[in-house]
Amino acid sequence: MSSPFARAAVGLGAASLLLVACGSGGDGDSGDSGGSGDSSTSLTLTFSTTQPSFDWGLIGGVAKGAGFFEDEGLDVDLETASGGSAAVQSLVAGQSDVVTTVPSDVMAANQTGGADVKCFDANTTGFNLFPAVPPDSDIETYGDLAGKNVAVTSPATSTIPIMKAMAAREGADPNAITFLPIPPGATAAKALEDGQVDALGYWDTQYSIMKGLGIDLRPVEPAEGVDGPTFALCYAATTEWLEKNPDQAEAFGRAVARAYVFIKTNPEAAARITLDMYPELQSSAGGLEEAVEAGVLQITGRLPFLEPVDGKIGYVTDAQVDNAIQLQVEAGLIKTGLAADDIWTDQFVEEFNKIDQAAVEEQAENYEE
């Protein structure tokens, strides 16, 4: 199978967020969680990244590679885009049906771009873009970052305004934090060792990679009584597409819910499926078994942030969404005025969870290439 990450990123041309959406998939019966019918419905899923990884494309990739989309009557084409904003634009331009993106991109598109886009399936229900420090560091909370140097991937990363907003929530001066662009991995470890930086501002899978290099880290937590960030990644679609294609939305959610159960049950099998779909992931990790080992490390690092909320896969509470919106306001990234139901709907979640989890667990446990 050729990797979708080897294709060109989704071409957006002069598409504007003001365009009216018209998804590429038509109405159709999605089938049930036990298997598809005789026909399948085409659907385009776009990942908001141009590079393969064990995080952004994990659940969607396994849903396709393990056959869950096919079981649900969906013929899913995987595409890529250069970031969340471009992915959301591909929705409103009719080039994608569903995208993976961070909720902040949905907020910005709806508020400033004239889009009508909603998250309908919560992928990463916890917040995985947290700062981390060595175990013996005196930095405990976000407020402690004031006066410190923090390594980030780039000056444009979305983690900077979030860290600053969280420091401000704790009563610290957010402008007293210095951010230095340093690539994660061995370079960041050296910067910590040499005292060039005091903390790292990356995310869970990057910390897992560093753990594989023997670098021990712990997360920086919100101060007691301070609400921390939540709800980091979702599947989004236009409201028009969701209204026209509820069966497809439900089938999609069941497939990715089954993929989540599969991944949690057998991370090694999930890593092998992901590597089979994206063989270029092996290039930086040596041979296949080394790549599988590296993949398992990243997957197990991500799993705590994928946990069901209130026992429901793909669900987050309105309180979580409201907090995510408020933090973006405090970070200066959006204006006030958005409500939870402007960017999130849970109308399909009950259907997502109508799956035979025991059967998926058995399939994962008995997985053979």
Protein backbone atom coordinates (compact mmCIF):
# COMPACT_ATOMS: atom_id res chain seq x y z
CA MET A 1 0.00 0.00 0.00
CA SER A 2 1.39 3.40 -0.87
CA SER A 3 1.58 5.77 2.06
CA PRO A 4 -0.81 8.72 2.03
CA PHE A 5 1.92 10.74 3.66
CA ALA A 6 4.00 10.34 0.50
CA ARG A 7 1.33 12.13 -1.51
CA ALA A 8 1.21 15.86 -1.91
CA ALA A 9 -0.63 17.73 0.82
CA VAL A 10 -4.24 18.47 0.08
CA GLY A 11 -4.34 21.21 -2.56
CA LEU A 12 -6.38 24.13 -1.37
CA GLY A 13 -5.72 26.62 -4.16
CA ALA A 14 -7.56 29.82 -3.46
CA ALA A 15 -10.23 28.12 -1.36
CA SER A 16 -11.65 30.39 1.29
CA LEU A 17 -13.19 29.56 4.64
CA LEU A 18 -16.21 31.46 3.36
CA LEU A 19 -16.97 28.72 0.82
CA VAL A 20 -20.05 26.61 1.39
CA ALA A 21 -19.13 23.03 2.21
CA CYS A 22 -20.22 20.09 0.10
CA GLY A 23 -18.65 16.82 1.32
CA SER A 24 -17.39 14.33 -1.21
CA GLY A 25 -19.30 11.43 0.35
CA GLY A 26 -22.97 11.01 -0.43
CA ASP A 27 -25.81 9.75 1.65
CA GLY A 28 -25.73 6.03 2.23
CA ASP A 29 -26.18 3.20 4.65
CA SER A 30 -23.07 2.81 6.76
CA GLY A 31 -23.80 -0.75 7.78
CA ASP A 32 -23.56 -1.84 11.43
CA SER A 33 -20.73 -2.69 13.78
CA GLY A 34 -20.92 -6.33 12.81
CA GLY A 35 -19.95 -5.81 9.18
CA SER A 36 -20.70 -3.89 6.03
CA GLY A 37 -23.30 -4.55 3.39
CA ASP A 38 -22.61 -5.26 -0.24
CA SER A 39 -21.70 -1.67 -1.02
CA SER A 40 -19.49 0.92 0.62
CA THR A 41 -19.57 4.68 0.83
CA SER A 42 -16.53 6.76 -0.07
CA LEU A 43 -15.22 9.15 2.55
CA THR A 44 -12.09 11.29 2.69
CA LEU A 45 -10.28 11.61 6.05
CA THR A 46 -7.55 14.23 6.14
CA PHE A 47 -4.85 14.28 8.80
CA SER A 48 -3.67 17.77 9.73
CA THR A 49 -0.01 16.92 9.23
CA THR A 50 2.22 16.14 6.27
CA GLN A 51 4.51 13.75 8.14
CA PRO A 52 3.78 10.20 9.28
CA SER A 53 3.71 9.63 13.01
CA PHE A 54 2.33 7.39 15.72
CA ASP A 55 0.09 10.14 17.05
CA TRP A 56 -1.87 12.19 14.49
CA GLY A 57 -2.70 9.29 12.20
CA LEU A 58 -2.75 6.49 14.76
CA ILE A 59 -6.44 5.77 15.33
CA GLY A 60 -7.60 6.62 11.82
CA GLY A 61 -4.73 4.62 10.34
CA VAL A 62 -5.47 1.55 12.46
CA ALA A 63 -9.19 1.89 11.72
CA LYS A 64 -8.33 1.56 8.04
CA GLY A 65 -5.45 -0.92 8.33
CA ALA A 66 -7.34 -3.30 10.62
CA GLY A 67 -10.40 -3.19 8.39
CA PHE A 68 -12.78 -1.42 10.75
CA PHE A 69 -13.77 1.24 8.22
CA GLU A 70 -14.46 -1.47 5.66
CA ASP A 71 -16.52 -3.42 8.21
CA GLU A 72 -18.64 -0.32 8.73
CA GLY A 73 -19.31 0.09 5.03
CA LEU A 74 -16.86 2.94 4.49
CA ASP A 75 -14.23 3.21 1.78
CA VAL A 76 -11.93 5.74 3.44
CA ASP A 77 -9.25 7.61 1.53
CA LEU A 78 -6.51 9.02 3.78
CA GLU A 79 -5.08 12.42 2.85
CA THR A 80 -2.88 15.04 4.50
CA ALA A 81 -2.81 18.80 4.97
CA SER A 82 -0.22 21.29 6.20
CA GLY A 83 -1.66 21.85 9.66
CA GLY A 84 -5.06 22.13 11.26
CA SER A 85 -6.06 25.37 9.57
CA ALA A 86 -5.43 23.88 6.13
CA ALA A 87 -7.30 20.72 7.11
CA VAL A 88 -10.35 22.73 8.18
CA GLN A 89 -10.18 24.72 4.94
CA SER A 90 -10.26 21.42 3.05
CA LEU A 91 -13.56 20.66 4.78
CA VAL A 92 -15.27 23.87 3.77
CA ALA A 93 -13.82 23.58 0.25
CA GLY A 94 -15.43 20.15 -0.10
CA GLN A 95 -12.07 18.36 -0.43
CA SER A 96 -12.45 16.40 2.81
CA ASP A 97 -15.38 14.88 4.67
CA VAL A 98 -13.67 14.48 8.06
CA VAL A 99 -10.39 15.84 9.42
CA THR A 100 -8.27 15.38 12.50
CA THR A 101 -7.52 18.73 14.08
CA VAL A 102 -7.12 20.56 17.37
CA PRO A 103 -10.29 22.23 18.68
CA SER A 104 -8.61 25.65 18.56
CA ASP A 105 -8.51 25.46 14.74
CA VAL A 106 -12.24 24.74 14.71
CA MET A 107 -12.81 27.70 17.04
CA ALA A 108 -10.78 30.06 14.86
CA ALA A 109 -12.42 28.88 11.63
CA ASN A 110 -15.92 29.38 13.02
CA GLN A 111 -15.21 32.73 14.64
CA THR A 112 -13.01 34.48 12.11
CA GLY A 113 -13.38 32.45 8.90
CA GLY A 114 -17.13 32.21 8.59
CA ALA A 115 -17.03 28.41 8.67
CA ASP A 116 -19.63 26.14 10.23
CA VAL A 117 -17.48 23.25 11.42
CA LYS A 118 -17.85 21.08 14.51
CA CYS A 119 -15.89 18.44 16.35
CA PHE A 120 -18.14 15.37 16.53
CA ASP A 121 -15.76 12.72 17.87
CA ALA A 122 -13.17 13.39 20.56
CA ASN A 123 -9.90 11.66 19.72
CA THR A 124 -7.52 12.92 22.40
CA THR A 125 -9.71 13.55 25.43
CA GLY A 126 -6.83 14.62 27.67
CA PHE A 127 -4.34 17.41 27.07
CA ASN A 128 -1.08 15.99 25.76
CA LEU A 129 0.74 19.26 24.94
CA PHE A 130 2.12 19.76 28.42
CA PRO A 131 5.53 21.04 29.55
CA ALA A 132 7.92 18.57 31.17
CA VAL A 133 10.99 18.79 33.38
CA PRO A 134 13.62 16.49 34.92
CA PRO A 135 12.38 14.72 38.07
CA ASP A 136 14.57 16.84 40.38
CA SER A 137 13.47 20.18 38.93
CA ASP A 138 12.01 22.81 41.25
CA ILE A 139 9.38 23.59 38.61
CA GLU A 140 6.08 22.05 39.71
CA THR A 141 3.35 24.18 38.12
CA TYR A 142 2.90 26.46 35.10
CA GLY A 143 3.42 29.50 37.29
CA ASP A 144 6.90 28.22 38.15
CA LEU A 145 7.88 28.65 34.49
CA ALA A 146 8.07 32.43 34.98
CA GLY A 147 11.70 33.48 34.80
CA LYS A 148 12.68 30.19 33.17
CA ASN A 149 13.79 29.12 29.68
CA VAL A 150 11.53 26.65 27.89
CA ALA A 151 12.44 24.67 24.76
CA VAL A 152 9.77 24.61 22.04
CA THR A 153 9.68 23.30 18.48
CA SER A 154 9.30 26.80 16.98
CA PRO A 155 8.26 30.34 17.94
CA ALA A 156 4.94 29.71 16.16
CA THR A 157 3.95 26.59 18.12
CA SER A 158 0.52 26.66 19.74
CA THR A 159 2.01 25.44 23.01
CA ILE A 160 3.49 28.89 23.75
CA PRO A 161 0.23 30.84 24.19
CA ILE A 162 -1.25 27.95 26.18
CA MET A 163 1.68 27.85 28.60
CA LYS A 164 1.52 31.64 28.95
CA ALA A 165 -2.23 31.56 29.58
CA MET A 166 -1.83 28.83 32.19
CA ALA A 167 0.95 30.79 33.94
CA ALA A 168 -1.35 33.82 34.01
CA ARG A 169 -4.15 31.70 35.49
CA GLU A 170 -1.79 30.90 38.33
CA GLY A 171 -1.00 34.58 38.90
CA ALA A 172 2.48 34.53 37.32
CA ASP A 173 3.81 36.91 34.67
CA PRO A 174 3.49 35.05 31.35
CA ASN A 175 5.90 37.44 29.66
CA ALA A 176 8.62 36.36 32.08
CA ILE A 177 8.87 32.98 30.33
CA THR A 178 11.56 32.75 27.63
CA PHE A 179 10.92 30.33 24.79
CA LEU A 180 13.83 28.93 22.79
CA PRO A 181 13.38 26.96 19.54
CA ILE A 182 15.19 23.66 20.10
CA PRO A 183 14.34 20.37 18.36
CA PRO A 184 13.14 17.57 20.67
CA GLY A 185 15.25 14.52 21.32
CA ALA A 186 18.97 14.40 22.03
CA THR A 187 19.41 18.12 21.29
CA ALA A 188 16.79 19.06 23.86
CA ALA A 189 18.30 16.65 26.39
CA LYS A 190 21.70 18.32 25.95
CA ALA A 191 20.09 21.74 26.41
CA LEU A 192 18.57 20.56 29.69
CA GLU A 193 21.84 19.03 30.86
CA ASP A 194 23.81 22.18 30.04
CA GLY A 195 21.28 24.47 31.73
CA GLN A 196 20.39 26.24 28.47
CA VAL A 197 16.73 25.46 29.19
CA ASP A 198 14.85 24.62 32.37
CA ALA A 199 11.83 22.90 30.85
CA LEU A 200 10.56 21.38 27.61
CA GLY A 201 7.40 22.50 25.82
CA TYR A 202 6.63 19.54 23.53
CA TRP A 203 4.03 16.76 23.77
CA ASP A 204 3.49 13.20 24.97
CA THR A 205 4.91 11.18 22.08
CA GLN A 206 8.03 13.35 21.92
CA TYR A 207 8.59 12.71 25.61
CA SER A 208 8.11 8.99 24.94
CA ILE A 209 10.82 9.13 22.27
CA MET A 210 13.12 10.88 24.74
CA LYS A 211 12.29 8.25 27.35
CA GLY A 212 13.55 5.68 24.85
CA LEU A 213 16.82 7.62 24.81
CA GLY A 214 17.07 7.21 28.58
CA ILE A 215 15.84 10.71 29.44
CA ASP A 216 13.56 10.76 32.47
CA LEU A 217 10.95 13.51 32.60
CA ARG A 218 7.82 14.39 34.56
CA PRO A 219 4.92 16.64 33.55
CA VAL A 220 4.40 20.17 34.83
CA GLU A 221 0.95 20.23 36.45
CA PRO A 222 -1.58 23.03 36.97
CA ALA A 223 -1.54 24.51 40.45
CA GLU A 224 -4.08 23.15 42.90
CA GLY A 225 -7.51 24.62 42.24
CA VAL A 226 -6.57 25.84 38.74
CA ASP A 227 -8.33 24.27 35.77
CA GLY A 228 -5.85 22.81 33.33
CA PRO A 229 -6.17 22.36 29.56
CA THR A 230 -8.38 19.58 28.24
CA PHE A 231 -9.60 18.11 24.95
CA ALA A 232 -6.60 18.21 22.61
CA LEU A 233 -7.65 16.55 19.33
CA CYS A 234 -10.90 15.75 17.54
CA TYR A 235 -12.49 14.56 14.33
CA ALA A 236 -14.34 17.46 12.74
CA ALA A 237 -16.74 17.93 9.82
CA THR A 238 -18.99 20.68 8.53
CA THR A 239 -22.41 20.93 10.11
CA GLU A 240 -23.89 20.49 6.64
CA TRP A 241 -22.05 17.19 6.10
CA LEU A 242 -23.07 15.90 9.54
CA GLU A 243 -26.72 16.77 8.88
CA LYS A 244 -26.70 15.12 5.46
CA ASN A 245 -24.67 12.05 6.43
CA PRO A 246 -25.54 10.97 9.99
CA ASP A 247 -25.15 7.28 9.09
CA GLN A 248 -21.64 7.91 7.81
CA ALA A 249 -20.73 9.93 10.91
CA GLU A 250 -21.96 7.12 13.15
CA ALA A 251 -20.17 4.43 11.11
CA PHE A 252 -16.97 6.48 11.20
CA GLY A 253 -17.20 6.85 14.97
CA ARG A 254 -17.82 3.14 15.51
CA ALA A 255 -14.80 2.28 13.38
CA VAL A 256 -12.45 4.58 15.27
CA ALA A 257 -13.93 3.43 18.60
CA ARG A 258 -13.07 -0.14 17.63
CA ALA A 259 -9.60 1.04 16.60
CA TYR A 260 -9.11 2.61 20.04
CA VAL A 261 -10.05 -0.66 21.78
CA PHE A 262 -7.71 -2.57 19.44
CA ILE A 263 -4.80 -0.19 20.11
CA LYS A 264 -5.29 -0.28 23.87
CA THR A 265 -5.48 -4.08 23.87
CA ASN A 266 -2.45 -4.72 21.66
CA PRO A 267 -0.16 -1.69 21.14
CA GLU A 268 2.39 -3.85 19.33
CA ALA A 269 -0.15 -4.96 16.73
CA ALA A 270 -1.21 -1.31 16.33
CA ALA A 271 2.42 -0.34 15.76
CA ARG A 272 2.85 -3.06 13.12
CA ILE A 273 -0.33 -1.99 11.30
CA THR A 274 0.80 1.64 11.36
CA LEU A 275 4.24 0.71 10.05
CA ASP A 276 2.71 -1.38 7.30
CA MET A 277 0.68 1.61 6.18
CA TYR A 278 3.51 4.12 6.62
CA PRO A 279 6.78 2.22 6.00
CA GLU A 280 8.73 5.49 5.97
CA LEU A 281 8.39 5.50 9.76
CA GLN A 282 11.07 2.80 9.85
CA SER A 283 13.77 4.99 8.36
CA SER A 284 14.59 6.80 11.59
CA ALA A 285 14.40 3.74 13.81
CA GLY A 286 16.55 1.16 12.05
CA GLY A 287 14.97 -2.18 11.23
CA LEU A 288 11.37 -3.27 11.55
CA GLU A 289 11.59 -4.61 15.11
CA GLU A 290 13.34 -1.45 16.30
CA ALA A 291 10.61 0.59 14.61
CA VAL A 292 7.91 -1.52 16.29
CA GLU A 293 9.56 -1.01 19.67
CA ALA A 294 9.75 2.75 19.10
CA GLY A 295 6.12 2.76 17.98
CA VAL A 296 4.93 0.88 21.05
CA LEU A 297 6.73 3.38 23.27
CA GLN A 298 4.95 6.29 21.60
CA ILE A 299 1.58 4.55 21.52
CA THR A 300 1.68 3.65 25.20
CA GLY A 301 2.70 7.24 25.93
CA ARG A 302 -0.38 8.48 24.08
CA LEU A 303 -2.92 6.01 25.51
CA PRO A 304 -3.51 7.84 28.84
CA PHE A 305 -4.76 10.83 26.83
CA LEU A 306 -7.23 8.74 24.82
CA GLU A 307 -9.24 7.46 27.77
CA PRO A 308 -13.04 7.46 27.46
CA VAL A 309 -14.83 10.21 29.40
CA ASP A 310 -17.74 9.10 31.59
CA GLY A 311 -17.22 5.64 30.12
CA LYS A 312 -17.92 6.78 26.56
CA ILE A 313 -15.40 6.56 23.72
CA GLY A 314 -15.22 9.69 21.58
CA TYR A 315 -16.91 11.86 24.22
CA VAL A 316 -15.97 15.00 26.13
CA THR A 317 -18.18 17.05 28.43
CA ASP A 318 -19.45 20.53 27.70
CA ALA A 319 -17.40 21.67 30.69
CA GLN A 320 -14.24 20.40 29.00
CA VAL A 321 -15.16 22.19 25.80
CA ASP A 322 -16.03 25.41 27.63
CA ASN A 323 -12.67 25.28 29.40
CA ALA A 324 -10.86 24.75 26.10
CA ILE A 325 -12.64 27.79 24.63
CA GLN A 326 -11.91 29.95 27.67
CA LEU A 327 -8.22 29.05 27.62
CA GLN A 328 -8.00 30.11 23.97
CA VAL A 329 -9.63 33.41 24.90
CA GLU A 330 -7.17 33.91 27.75
CA ALA A 331 -4.31 33.08 25.38
CA GLY A 332 -5.51 35.83 23.04
CA LEU A 333 -6.11 33.40 20.18
CA ILE A 334 -9.86 33.95 19.85
CA LYS A 335 -12.42 36.47 21.06
CA THR A 336 -15.20 35.81 23.51
CA GLY A 337 -18.56 34.69 22.21
CA LEU A 338 -18.19 30.99 21.38
CA ALA A 339 -20.24 28.41 23.25
CA ALA A 340 -19.57 24.69 23.54
CA ASP A 341 -22.28 23.77 21.03
CA ASP A 342 -20.74 26.13 18.45
CA ILE A 343 -17.73 23.81 18.06
CA TRP A 344 -18.81 20.44 19.49
CA THR A 345 -21.70 18.00 19.17
CA ASP A 346 -22.17 14.74 21.03
CA GLN A 347 -25.25 13.68 19.05
CA PHE A 348 -23.49 10.63 17.58
CA VAL A 349 -21.54 9.45 20.63
CA GLU A 350 -24.14 6.93 21.78
CA GLU A 351 -23.91 5.21 18.39
CA PHE A 352 -20.08 5.24 18.49
CA ASN A 353 -20.21 3.07 21.58
CA LYS A 354 -22.52 0.40 20.14
CA ILE A 355 -19.61 -1.91 19.48
CA ASP A 356 -18.66 -5.37 20.72
CA GLN A 357 -15.56 -4.44 22.72
CA ALA A 358 -14.90 -8.04 23.75
CA ALA A 359 -14.82 -9.13 20.11
CA VAL A 360 -12.39 -6.34 19.24
CA GLU A 361 -10.18 -7.26 22.19
CA GLU A 362 -10.13 -10.88 21.03
CA GLN A 363 -9.24 -9.77 17.50
CA ALA A 364 -6.41 -7.64 18.85
CA GLU A 365 -5.08 -10.39 21.11
CA ASN A 366 -5.05 -12.86 18.20
CA TYR A 367 -3.74 -10.43 15.61
CA GLU A 368 -1.38 -11.91 13.04
CA GLU A 369 0.21 -10.09 10.13
